[in-house]
């Protein structure tokens, strides 16, 4: 699995937990929907830290919280 796939899954899981769509997350975080789409469809192979930070701000979590999950732990162990 590639890191962009893990990032996408994490974003989707966090949106689901909060009952929002990825487009809604874009709106509340100030990230263009096209940027989120690029991440989800693999056009953005390396989502930037600034983008991830903005998404985290929209989710009211830290970058640490974003990466501190079983999916990233498994990814790092592979």
N, C-alpha and C. Protein backbone atom coordinates (compact mmCIF):
# COMPACT_ATOMS: atom_id res chain seq x y z
N UNK A 1 0.85 -1.18 0.00
CA UNK A 1 0.00 0.00 0.00
C UNK A 1 0.89 1.24 0.00
N UNK A 2 0.49 2.23 -0.74
CA UNK A 2 1.23 3.48 -0.82
C UNK A 2 0.74 4.47 0.24
N UNK A 3 1.61 5.39 0.60
CA UNK A 3 1.27 6.36 1.64
C UNK A 3 0.02 7.17 1.26
N UNK A 4 -0.14 7.51 0.00
CA UNK A 4 -1.32 8.29 -0.40
C UNK A 4 -2.60 7.50 -0.15
N UNK A 5 -2.53 6.17 -0.27
CA UNK A 5 -3.71 5.35 0.02
C UNK A 5 -4.04 5.36 1.50
N UNK A 6 -3.02 5.36 2.33
CA UNK A 6 -3.23 5.41 3.78
C UNK A 6 -3.79 6.78 4.17
N UNK A 7 -3.26 7.84 3.56
CA UNK A 7 -3.76 9.20 3.83
C UNK A 7 -5.23 9.30 3.43
N UNK A 8 -5.56 8.79 2.25
CA UNK A 8 -6.94 8.84 1.77
C UNK A 8 -7.87 8.10 2.72
N UNK A 9 -7.48 6.89 3.12
CA UNK A 9 -8.31 6.11 4.02
C UNK A 9 -8.49 6.85 5.35
N UNK A 10 -7.44 7.45 5.84
CA UNK A 10 -7.53 8.17 7.12
C UNK A 10 -8.48 9.35 7.02
N UNK A 11 -8.39 10.10 5.94
CA UNK A 11 -9.30 11.24 5.74
C UNK A 11 -10.74 10.75 5.68
N UNK A 12 -10.99 9.70 4.91
CA UNK A 12 -12.35 9.16 4.80
C UNK A 12 -12.87 8.66 6.14
N UNK A 13 -12.03 7.97 6.89
CA UNK A 13 -12.44 7.47 8.20
C UNK A 13 -12.79 8.61 9.15
N UNK A 14 -11.96 9.65 9.16
CA UNK A 14 -12.22 10.80 10.04
C UNK A 14 -13.49 11.54 9.63
N UNK A 15 -13.72 11.66 8.33
CA UNK A 15 -14.96 12.29 7.86
C UNK A 15 -16.17 11.47 8.30
N UNK A 16 -16.07 10.16 8.13
CA UNK A 16 -17.17 9.28 8.52
C UNK A 16 -17.46 9.39 10.01
N UNK A 17 -16.40 9.40 10.84
CA UNK A 17 -16.57 9.54 12.29
C UNK A 17 -17.32 10.82 12.64
N UNK A 18 -17.09 11.87 11.87
CA UNK A 18 -17.69 13.17 12.17
C UNK A 18 -18.98 13.43 11.40
N UNK A 19 -19.35 12.51 10.54
CA UNK A 19 -20.59 12.65 9.78
C UNK A 19 -20.53 13.75 8.74
N UNK A 20 -19.35 13.95 8.14
CA UNK A 20 -19.21 14.97 7.09
C UNK A 20 -18.64 14.32 5.83
N UNK A 21 -18.86 14.99 4.72
CA UNK A 21 -18.31 14.52 3.45
C UNK A 21 -16.92 15.13 3.27
N UNK A 22 -16.12 14.54 2.40
CA UNK A 22 -14.83 15.15 2.09
C UNK A 22 -14.99 16.57 1.53
N UNK A 23 -16.04 16.82 0.76
CA UNK A 23 -16.27 18.18 0.25
C UNK A 23 -16.57 19.15 1.39
N UNK A 24 -17.33 18.71 2.37
CA UNK A 24 -17.62 19.55 3.53
C UNK A 24 -16.33 19.82 4.30
N UNK A 25 -15.49 18.81 4.43
CA UNK A 25 -14.19 19.00 5.08
C UNK A 25 -13.39 20.05 4.35
N UNK A 26 -13.40 20.00 3.02
CA UNK A 26 -12.70 21.01 2.23
C UNK A 26 -13.21 22.40 2.54
N UNK A 27 -14.50 22.53 2.64
CA UNK A 27 -15.11 23.84 2.91
C UNK A 27 -14.69 24.36 4.29
N UNK A 28 -14.76 23.52 5.31
CA UNK A 28 -14.46 24.01 6.65
C UNK A 28 -12.96 24.17 6.88
N UNK A 29 -12.15 23.49 6.07
CA UNK A 29 -10.70 23.60 6.26
C UNK A 29 -10.04 24.58 5.30
N UNK A 30 -10.81 25.05 4.31
CA UNK A 30 -10.25 25.99 3.34
C UNK A 30 -9.40 25.33 2.27
N UNK A 31 -9.58 24.03 2.09
CA UNK A 31 -8.85 23.28 1.07
C UNK A 31 -9.77 23.10 -0.13
N UNK A 32 -9.26 23.43 -1.30
CA UNK A 32 -10.07 23.32 -2.52
C UNK A 32 -10.54 21.88 -2.73
N UNK A 33 -11.79 21.70 -3.14
CA UNK A 33 -12.29 20.35 -3.43
C UNK A 33 -11.42 19.63 -4.46
N UNK A 34 -10.86 20.37 -5.40
CA UNK A 34 -10.01 19.74 -6.41
C UNK A 34 -8.75 19.15 -5.78
N UNK A 35 -8.26 19.75 -4.71
CA UNK A 35 -7.09 19.23 -4.00
C UNK A 35 -7.43 17.90 -3.33
N UNK A 36 -8.58 17.86 -2.68
CA UNK A 36 -9.02 16.63 -2.03
C UNK A 36 -9.25 15.54 -3.07
N UNK A 37 -9.88 15.90 -4.17
CA UNK A 37 -10.10 14.94 -5.26
C UNK A 37 -8.76 14.41 -5.79
N UNK A 38 -7.79 15.30 -5.93
CA UNK A 38 -6.46 14.88 -6.41
C UNK A 38 -5.82 13.87 -5.46
N UNK A 39 -6.00 14.06 -4.17
CA UNK A 39 -5.47 13.11 -3.19
C UNK A 39 -6.19 11.77 -3.33
N UNK A 40 -7.51 11.81 -3.40
CA UNK A 40 -8.31 10.58 -3.44
C UNK A 40 -8.07 9.77 -4.70
N UNK A 41 -7.86 10.43 -5.82
CA UNK A 41 -7.71 9.71 -7.09
C UNK A 41 -6.27 9.54 -7.52
N UNK A 42 -5.36 9.79 -6.62
CA UNK A 42 -3.96 9.49 -6.88
C UNK A 42 -3.22 10.47 -7.77
N UNK A 43 -3.85 11.60 -8.11
CA UNK A 43 -3.15 12.61 -8.90
C UNK A 43 -2.10 13.31 -8.05
N UNK A 44 -2.40 13.46 -6.78
CA UNK A 44 -1.44 14.03 -5.82
C UNK A 44 -0.80 12.87 -5.09
N UNK A 45 0.39 12.51 -5.49
CA UNK A 45 1.06 11.35 -4.91
C UNK A 45 1.74 11.67 -3.58
N UNK A 46 1.87 12.97 -3.28
CA UNK A 46 2.53 13.39 -2.07
C UNK A 46 1.80 14.60 -1.49
N UNK A 47 0.68 14.36 -0.79
CA UNK A 47 -0.05 15.50 -0.21
C UNK A 47 0.86 16.27 0.74
N UNK A 48 0.92 17.56 0.58
CA UNK A 48 1.81 18.40 1.37
C UNK A 48 1.39 18.53 2.81
N UNK A 49 2.35 18.84 3.63
CA UNK A 49 2.11 19.02 5.06
C UNK A 49 1.16 20.19 5.30
N UNK A 50 1.28 21.24 4.50
CA UNK A 50 0.40 22.40 4.67
C UNK A 50 -1.05 21.99 4.41
N UNK A 51 -1.27 21.20 3.38
CA UNK A 51 -2.62 20.72 3.07
C UNK A 51 -3.14 19.82 4.18
N UNK A 52 -2.31 18.88 4.62
CA UNK A 52 -2.74 17.99 5.69
C UNK A 52 -3.01 18.75 6.98
N UNK A 53 -2.19 19.76 7.27
CA UNK A 53 -2.41 20.59 8.46
C UNK A 53 -3.75 21.32 8.38
N UNK A 54 -4.07 21.85 7.20
CA UNK A 54 -5.35 22.54 7.02
C UNK A 54 -6.52 21.57 7.22
N UNK A 55 -6.39 20.36 6.68
CA UNK A 55 -7.44 19.36 6.87
C UNK A 55 -7.57 18.99 8.33
N UNK A 56 -6.45 18.84 9.01
CA UNK A 56 -6.48 18.55 10.44
C UNK A 56 -7.14 19.67 11.23
N UNK A 57 -6.84 20.90 10.86
CA UNK A 57 -7.49 22.04 11.52
C UNK A 57 -9.00 21.97 11.33
N UNK A 58 -9.44 21.62 10.14
CA UNK A 58 -10.87 21.47 9.87
C UNK A 58 -11.50 20.35 10.67
N UNK A 59 -10.71 19.33 10.97
CA UNK A 59 -11.19 18.19 11.76
C UNK A 59 -10.99 18.41 13.26
N UNK A 60 -10.36 19.51 13.63
CA UNK A 60 -10.05 19.82 15.03
C UNK A 60 -9.15 18.75 15.67
N UNK A 61 -8.13 18.33 14.89
CA UNK A 61 -7.15 17.40 15.41
C UNK A 61 -5.75 17.93 15.06
N UNK A 62 -4.75 17.35 15.68
CA UNK A 62 -3.37 17.73 15.37
C UNK A 62 -2.83 16.79 14.28
N UNK A 63 -1.70 17.18 13.71
CA UNK A 63 -1.03 16.28 12.77
C UNK A 63 -0.65 14.98 13.47
N UNK A 64 -0.24 15.09 14.71
CA UNK A 64 0.09 13.89 15.49
C UNK A 64 -1.12 12.96 15.55
N UNK A 65 -2.29 13.52 15.84
CA UNK A 65 -3.51 12.71 15.90
C UNK A 65 -3.80 12.05 14.55
N UNK A 66 -3.56 12.79 13.48
CA UNK A 66 -3.82 12.27 12.14
C UNK A 66 -2.97 11.03 11.87
N UNK A 67 -1.69 11.11 12.21
CA UNK A 67 -0.78 10.02 11.90
C UNK A 67 -0.73 8.94 12.98
N UNK A 68 -1.27 9.21 14.14
CA UNK A 68 -1.25 8.27 15.25
C UNK A 68 -2.49 7.37 15.18
N UNK A 69 -2.43 6.40 14.28
CA UNK A 69 -3.54 5.49 14.07
C UNK A 69 -3.00 4.15 13.61
N UNK A 70 -3.78 3.09 13.73
CA UNK A 70 -3.31 1.76 13.34
C UNK A 70 -2.86 1.68 11.88
N UNK A 71 -3.54 2.38 10.98
CA UNK A 71 -3.18 2.30 9.56
C UNK A 71 -1.75 2.77 9.31
N UNK A 72 -1.35 3.87 9.92
CA UNK A 72 0.01 4.37 9.73
C UNK A 72 1.03 3.50 10.46
N UNK A 73 0.65 2.97 11.60
CA UNK A 73 1.56 2.07 12.31
C UNK A 73 1.83 0.83 11.47
N UNK A 74 0.78 0.26 10.86
CA UNK A 74 0.94 -0.90 9.99
C UNK A 74 1.78 -0.54 8.76
N UNK A 75 1.53 0.63 8.20
CA UNK A 75 2.28 1.08 7.02
C UNK A 75 3.76 1.16 7.34
N UNK A 76 4.09 1.69 8.49
CA UNK A 76 5.49 1.86 8.87
C UNK A 76 6.18 0.53 9.18
N UNK A 77 5.39 -0.44 9.59
CA UNK A 77 5.96 -1.76 9.91
C UNK A 77 6.23 -2.59 8.66
N UNK A 78 5.55 -2.30 7.57
CA UNK A 78 5.73 -3.07 6.33
C UNK A 78 7.06 -2.81 5.68
